Amino acid sequence: MTNSEALNLLVRYEDAFNGNDADSMNALFWEDSTFVNFGGGLVTDRDELLAKQRFVFAPGGPLHDVDVTYRHEVTVELTPTVVQIVARQRTRDSTDPAHDPMHGVIILTAEFRDDDWRIRTGQNTPVSTG
C-alpha cells in the first residue's frame, strides 16, 4: 500500500465520520473485521459494527454532528497485503486542543483482498487530557 492509498482510506473514513454516514464508513471494513471503539467496546464483525455506527451517528447519538480530523502519522507495512495506518484524531476546529474530548490515536490495519484495500482491524484509543 502506498502512502496515497493509506491517506485515501483515512480521508474516506474521516468523510464518513463527519457526514454521519454509517453505511459509507462500514463499507470500508471487511466482513470479518474487528474494531475496538473509543470507549473500549469490542465489535467482532461488520454487521455488529454497522449497528453501532448507526447508533452513534443517529440524531441524538453521541457522535451526531461531531466533526473530527485525522492526521496521518505513519503507515507500517506488515506484509505486502497488510499495513497499519496510524493517525491522530482531533475535534475539527477545537478551541482548546489540550482538553479535546475527541483526541485519540486510531490504528487501522488494512488488508488487500479482491483488488481492494479495506480495514480488517481497528482501534481508536483516547488520549488523556489530564
Protein backbone atom coordinates (compact mmCIF):
# COMPACT_ATOMS: atom_id res chain seq x y z
CA MET A 1 0.00 0.00 0.00
CA THR A 2 1.37 3.39 -0.88
CA ASN A 3 1.01 6.38 1.40
CA SER A 4 -1.51 7.84 -1.06
CA GLU A 5 -3.68 4.71 -0.72
CA ALA A 6 -3.38 4.90 3.08
CA LEU A 7 -4.31 8.56 3.05
CA ASN A 8 -7.25 7.85 0.74
CA LEU A 9 -8.62 5.22 3.14
CA LEU A 10 -8.15 7.64 6.04
CA VAL A 11 -9.80 10.50 4.10
CA ARG A 12 -12.78 8.29 3.27
CA TYR A 13 -13.05 7.29 6.94
CA GLU A 14 -12.97 10.96 8.02
CA ASP A 15 -15.54 11.93 5.38
CA ALA A 16 -17.91 9.17 6.52
CA PHE A 17 -17.45 10.14 10.17
CA ASN A 18 -18.10 13.83 9.56
CA GLY A 19 -21.05 13.06 7.31
CA ASN A 20 -22.57 10.79 9.99
CA ASP A 21 -22.63 8.20 7.21
CA ALA A 22 -22.57 4.81 8.94
CA ASP A 23 -23.11 2.91 5.68
CA SER A 24 -20.15 4.54 3.93
CA MET A 25 -17.93 4.05 6.96
CA ASN A 26 -18.99 0.42 7.27
CA ALA A 27 -18.18 -0.25 3.61
CA LEU A 28 -14.53 0.50 4.42
CA PHE A 29 -14.37 -2.66 6.59
CA TRP A 30 -14.09 -6.34 5.60
CA GLU A 31 -16.94 -8.64 6.65
CA ASP A 32 -14.72 -10.38 9.23
CA SER A 33 -13.40 -7.20 10.80
CA THR A 34 -12.89 -6.39 14.45
CA PHE A 35 -12.85 -2.94 16.00
CA VAL A 36 -12.21 -1.51 19.45
CA ASN A 37 -14.07 1.78 19.72
CA PHE A 38 -13.14 4.96 21.59
CA GLY A 39 -14.94 3.69 24.71
CA GLY A 40 -13.15 0.33 24.68
CA GLY A 41 -16.06 -1.70 23.27
CA LEU A 42 -15.06 -4.66 21.10
CA VAL A 43 -17.02 -5.27 17.91
CA THR A 44 -16.38 -8.59 16.19
CA ASP A 45 -17.99 -8.34 12.75
CA ARG A 46 -19.12 -5.80 10.19
CA ASP A 47 -22.87 -6.25 10.82
CA GLU A 48 -22.44 -5.54 14.53
CA LEU A 49 -20.18 -2.61 13.68
CA LEU A 50 -22.82 -1.15 11.35
CA ALA A 51 -25.47 -1.29 14.09
CA LYS A 52 -23.15 0.56 16.48
CA GLN A 53 -22.13 3.10 13.82
CA ARG A 54 -25.77 3.83 13.02
CA PHE A 55 -26.48 4.33 16.74
CA VAL A 56 -23.63 6.78 17.40
CA PHE A 57 -24.27 8.80 14.22
CA ALA A 58 -28.07 8.95 14.53
CA PRO A 59 -29.75 12.21 15.61
CA GLY A 60 -29.25 12.42 19.37
CA GLY A 61 -26.41 9.86 19.22
CA PRO A 62 -23.09 10.63 20.90
CA LEU A 63 -21.28 11.40 17.63
CA HIS A 64 -24.09 13.10 15.72
CA ASP A 65 -22.75 16.38 14.32
CA VAL A 66 -19.29 15.83 15.83
CA ASP A 67 -16.60 16.72 13.29
CA VAL A 68 -13.09 15.33 13.54
CA THR A 69 -9.85 15.43 11.61
CA TYR A 70 -7.37 12.60 11.21
CA ARG A 71 -3.71 13.49 10.82
CA HIS A 72 -1.79 10.62 9.25
CA GLU A 73 1.30 9.85 11.31
CA VAL A 74 2.74 6.65 9.85
CA THR A 75 1.96 3.67 7.66
CA VAL A 76 3.73 0.43 8.58
CA GLU A 77 3.91 -2.38 6.04
CA LEU A 78 3.46 -5.67 7.91
CA THR A 79 3.29 -7.79 4.75
CA PRO A 80 2.75 -6.82 1.10
CA THR A 81 -1.01 -7.17 1.67
CA VAL A 82 -1.34 -5.92 5.28
CA VAL A 83 -0.46 -2.47 6.58
CA GLN A 84 -1.15 -0.46 9.70
CA ILE A 85 -2.25 3.14 9.32
CA VAL A 86 -1.69 5.24 12.42
CA ALA A 87 -3.35 8.65 12.73
CA ARG A 88 -4.12 11.26 15.35
CA GLN A 89 -7.81 12.10 15.85
CA ARG A 90 -8.86 15.61 16.91
CA THR A 91 -12.07 17.59 17.04
CA ARG A 92 -12.22 19.79 13.95
CA ASP A 93 -11.71 23.45 14.87
CA SER A 94 -11.05 22.64 18.53
CA THR A 95 -10.57 25.83 20.51
CA ASP A 96 -8.69 24.05 23.30
CA PRO A 97 -6.50 21.22 21.95
CA ALA A 98 -5.20 20.46 25.46
CA HIS A 99 -8.72 19.48 26.53
CA ASP A 100 -10.09 17.96 23.33
CA PRO A 101 -12.57 15.19 24.25
CA MET A 102 -12.09 13.54 20.83
CA HIS A 103 -8.28 13.45 20.99
CA GLY A 104 -7.23 9.92 20.16
CA VAL A 105 -4.89 7.71 18.24
CA ILE A 106 -6.50 5.43 15.71
CA ILE A 107 -4.76 2.38 14.30
CA LEU A 108 -6.34 0.80 11.25
CA THR A 109 -4.96 -2.47 9.94
CA ALA A 110 -5.79 -2.56 6.26
CA GLU A 111 -5.76 -5.73 4.21
CA PHE A 112 -5.65 -6.09 0.43
CA ARG A 113 -8.16 -8.64 -0.91
CA ASP A 114 -10.10 -8.91 -4.15
CA ASP A 115 -8.25 -5.92 -5.64
CA ASP A 116 -9.32 -3.64 -2.76
CA TRP A 117 -7.86 -2.26 0.45
CA ARG A 118 -10.24 -2.34 3.42
CA ILE A 119 -9.97 -2.26 7.18
CA ARG A 120 -9.52 -5.68 8.81
CA THR A 121 -8.97 -4.46 12.39
CA GLY A 122 -9.00 -1.12 14.09
CA GLN A 123 -8.60 0.51 17.45
CA ASN A 124 -9.43 4.07 18.45
CA THR A 125 -7.72 4.94 21.73
CA PRO A 126 -8.49 8.13 23.66
CA VAL A 127 -5.52 10.25 24.69
CA SER A 128 -5.66 11.52 28.25
CA THR A 129 -6.12 15.25 28.54
CA GLY A 130 -5.23 15.44 32.20
